[in-house]
């Protein structure tokens, strides 16, 4: 009898997130920090990698992965992070953000169907 795959092993099997303009490997690391604070995940914009805390509990893993993927989607549609060397204030309308985020999520879905399935349809966690 085989044991069911863990969420972590499923994420490792998927391996990366395709953003259209670049691929972001998903890496599990120990004791990760952002701004000198312990954190569960972050996007390393210099290496184009998504880092997830190796010891993260399964209950928090899916939400943390989605959180980091949303950072990539937002960057793809032009909403940059503070650490992406872009320092212009945002003044987008609700409609603009909704339209762009919809396009970004559809791009994520079309380029990463296995990841989408894991995040939104896998009931294991």
Protein backbone atom coordinates (compact mmCIF):
# COMPACT_ATOMS: atom_id res chain seq x y z
CA UNK A 1 0.00 0.00 0.00
CA UNK A 2 1.36 3.44 -0.94
CA UNK A 3 1.07 6.46 1.29
CA UNK A 4 -0.79 9.47 -0.09
CA UNK A 5 1.40 12.23 -1.48
CA UNK A 6 1.87 15.23 0.75
CA UNK A 7 1.11 18.72 -0.45
CA UNK A 8 4.82 19.51 -0.24
CA UNK A 9 5.71 16.56 -2.48
CA UNK A 10 3.04 17.63 -4.98
CA UNK A 11 4.49 21.15 -5.08
CA UNK A 12 7.98 19.74 -5.57
CA UNK A 13 6.68 17.61 -8.46
CA UNK A 14 5.21 20.71 -10.14
CA UNK A 15 8.53 22.43 -9.57
CA UNK A 16 7.98 25.96 -10.88
CA UNK A 17 5.52 28.69 -11.77
CA UNK A 18 5.43 29.89 -15.37
CA UNK A 19 4.73 33.63 -15.45
CA UNK A 20 4.85 33.88 -19.23
CA UNK A 21 7.87 36.15 -19.18
CA UNK A 22 9.88 33.88 -16.90
CA UNK A 23 9.78 30.70 -14.87
CA UNK A 24 9.97 30.80 -11.07
CA UNK A 25 11.31 27.59 -9.50
CA UNK A 26 9.65 26.74 -6.17
CA UNK A 27 12.38 26.12 -3.58
CA UNK A 28 12.02 24.87 -0.03
CA UNK A 29 14.60 26.47 2.29
CA UNK A 30 15.28 26.34 6.02
CA UNK A 31 15.07 29.41 8.25
CA UNK A 32 14.13 31.90 5.53
CA UNK A 33 13.91 35.57 6.33
CA UNK A 34 12.53 38.68 4.68
CA UNK A 35 13.66 42.06 6.02
CA UNK A 36 15.45 40.20 8.85
CA UNK A 37 12.16 38.65 9.99
CA UNK A 38 11.25 34.96 9.94
CA UNK A 39 8.74 34.30 7.20
CA UNK A 40 6.97 31.40 5.55
CA UNK A 41 7.72 32.43 1.98
CA UNK A 42 8.94 35.14 -0.37
CA UNK A 43 9.75 35.83 -4.00
CA UNK A 44 13.43 36.37 -4.70
CA UNK A 45 13.24 38.79 -7.63
CA UNK A 46 16.99 38.63 -8.28
CA UNK A 47 17.01 34.86 -8.84
CA UNK A 48 13.35 34.61 -9.99
CA UNK A 49 12.59 31.96 -7.38
CA UNK A 50 9.75 31.38 -4.95
CA UNK A 51 11.14 30.37 -1.56
CA UNK A 52 8.97 28.49 0.92
CA UNK A 53 9.94 27.62 4.49
CA UNK A 54 10.97 23.96 4.60
CA UNK A 55 9.38 23.40 8.02
CA UNK A 56 6.03 25.01 7.12
CA UNK A 57 3.00 23.12 8.39
CA UNK A 58 0.81 21.57 5.71
CA UNK A 59 -2.15 23.71 6.86
CA UNK A 60 -0.28 26.92 5.99
CA UNK A 61 1.52 25.69 2.88
CA UNK A 62 -1.21 26.15 0.27
CA UNK A 63 -2.07 29.68 1.42
CA UNK A 64 1.61 30.66 1.54
CA UNK A 65 2.24 29.27 -1.95
CA UNK A 66 -0.78 31.14 -3.31
CA UNK A 67 0.37 34.33 -1.55
CA UNK A 68 3.78 34.16 -3.26
CA UNK A 69 2.26 33.23 -6.63
CA UNK A 70 -0.02 36.28 -6.37
CA UNK A 71 3.10 38.44 -5.92
CA UNK A 72 4.37 37.05 -9.24
CA UNK A 73 0.98 37.62 -10.91
CA UNK A 74 0.80 41.21 -9.64
CA UNK A 75 4.33 41.90 -10.87
CA UNK A 76 3.37 40.42 -14.25
CA UNK A 77 0.47 42.85 -14.60
CA UNK A 78 2.56 45.84 -13.54
CA UNK A 79 2.02 46.10 -9.79
CA UNK A 80 5.60 45.89 -8.55
CA UNK A 81 6.92 44.99 -5.09
CA UNK A 82 8.89 47.43 -3.00
CA UNK A 83 12.01 45.31 -3.59
CA UNK A 84 11.71 45.43 -7.39
CA UNK A 85 13.34 48.87 -7.59
CA UNK A 86 10.09 50.58 -8.54
CA UNK A 87 9.02 53.41 -6.26
CA UNK A 88 6.05 55.06 -7.90
CA UNK A 89 2.80 55.38 -5.94
CA UNK A 90 -0.16 53.37 -7.19
CA UNK A 91 -3.32 55.16 -8.21
CA UNK A 92 -5.28 52.52 -10.10
CA UNK A 93 -9.06 52.32 -10.19
CA UNK A 94 -10.93 49.29 -8.92
CA UNK A 95 -11.90 48.44 -12.50
CA UNK A 96 -8.31 48.59 -13.74
CA UNK A 97 -7.03 46.36 -10.93
CA UNK A 98 -9.90 43.89 -11.44
CA UNK A 99 -9.28 43.71 -15.19
CA UNK A 100 -5.53 43.26 -14.84
CA UNK A 101 -5.79 40.74 -12.00
CA UNK A 102 -8.35 38.74 -13.98
CA UNK A 103 -5.93 38.59 -16.91
CA UNK A 104 -3.05 37.66 -14.61
CA UNK A 105 -5.02 34.86 -12.97
CA UNK A 106 -6.12 33.51 -16.36
CA UNK A 107 -2.50 33.55 -17.48
CA UNK A 108 -1.55 31.64 -14.32
CA UNK A 109 -4.33 29.11 -14.98
CA UNK A 110 -3.46 28.58 -18.64
CA UNK A 111 0.30 28.30 -18.13
CA UNK A 112 0.16 26.30 -14.87
CA UNK A 113 -2.87 23.97 -14.91
CA UNK A 114 -1.31 21.49 -12.44
CA UNK A 115 -0.49 24.25 -9.97
CA UNK A 116 -4.00 25.73 -10.36
CA UNK A 117 -5.52 22.31 -9.72
CA UNK A 118 -3.38 21.84 -6.63
CA UNK A 119 -4.23 25.24 -5.15
CA UNK A 120 -7.93 25.44 -5.98
CA UNK A 121 -9.22 21.89 -6.43
CA UNK A 122 -7.05 19.58 -4.30
CA UNK A 123 -9.00 18.97 -1.09
CA UNK A 124 -6.13 17.27 0.75
CA UNK A 125 -5.28 20.52 2.58
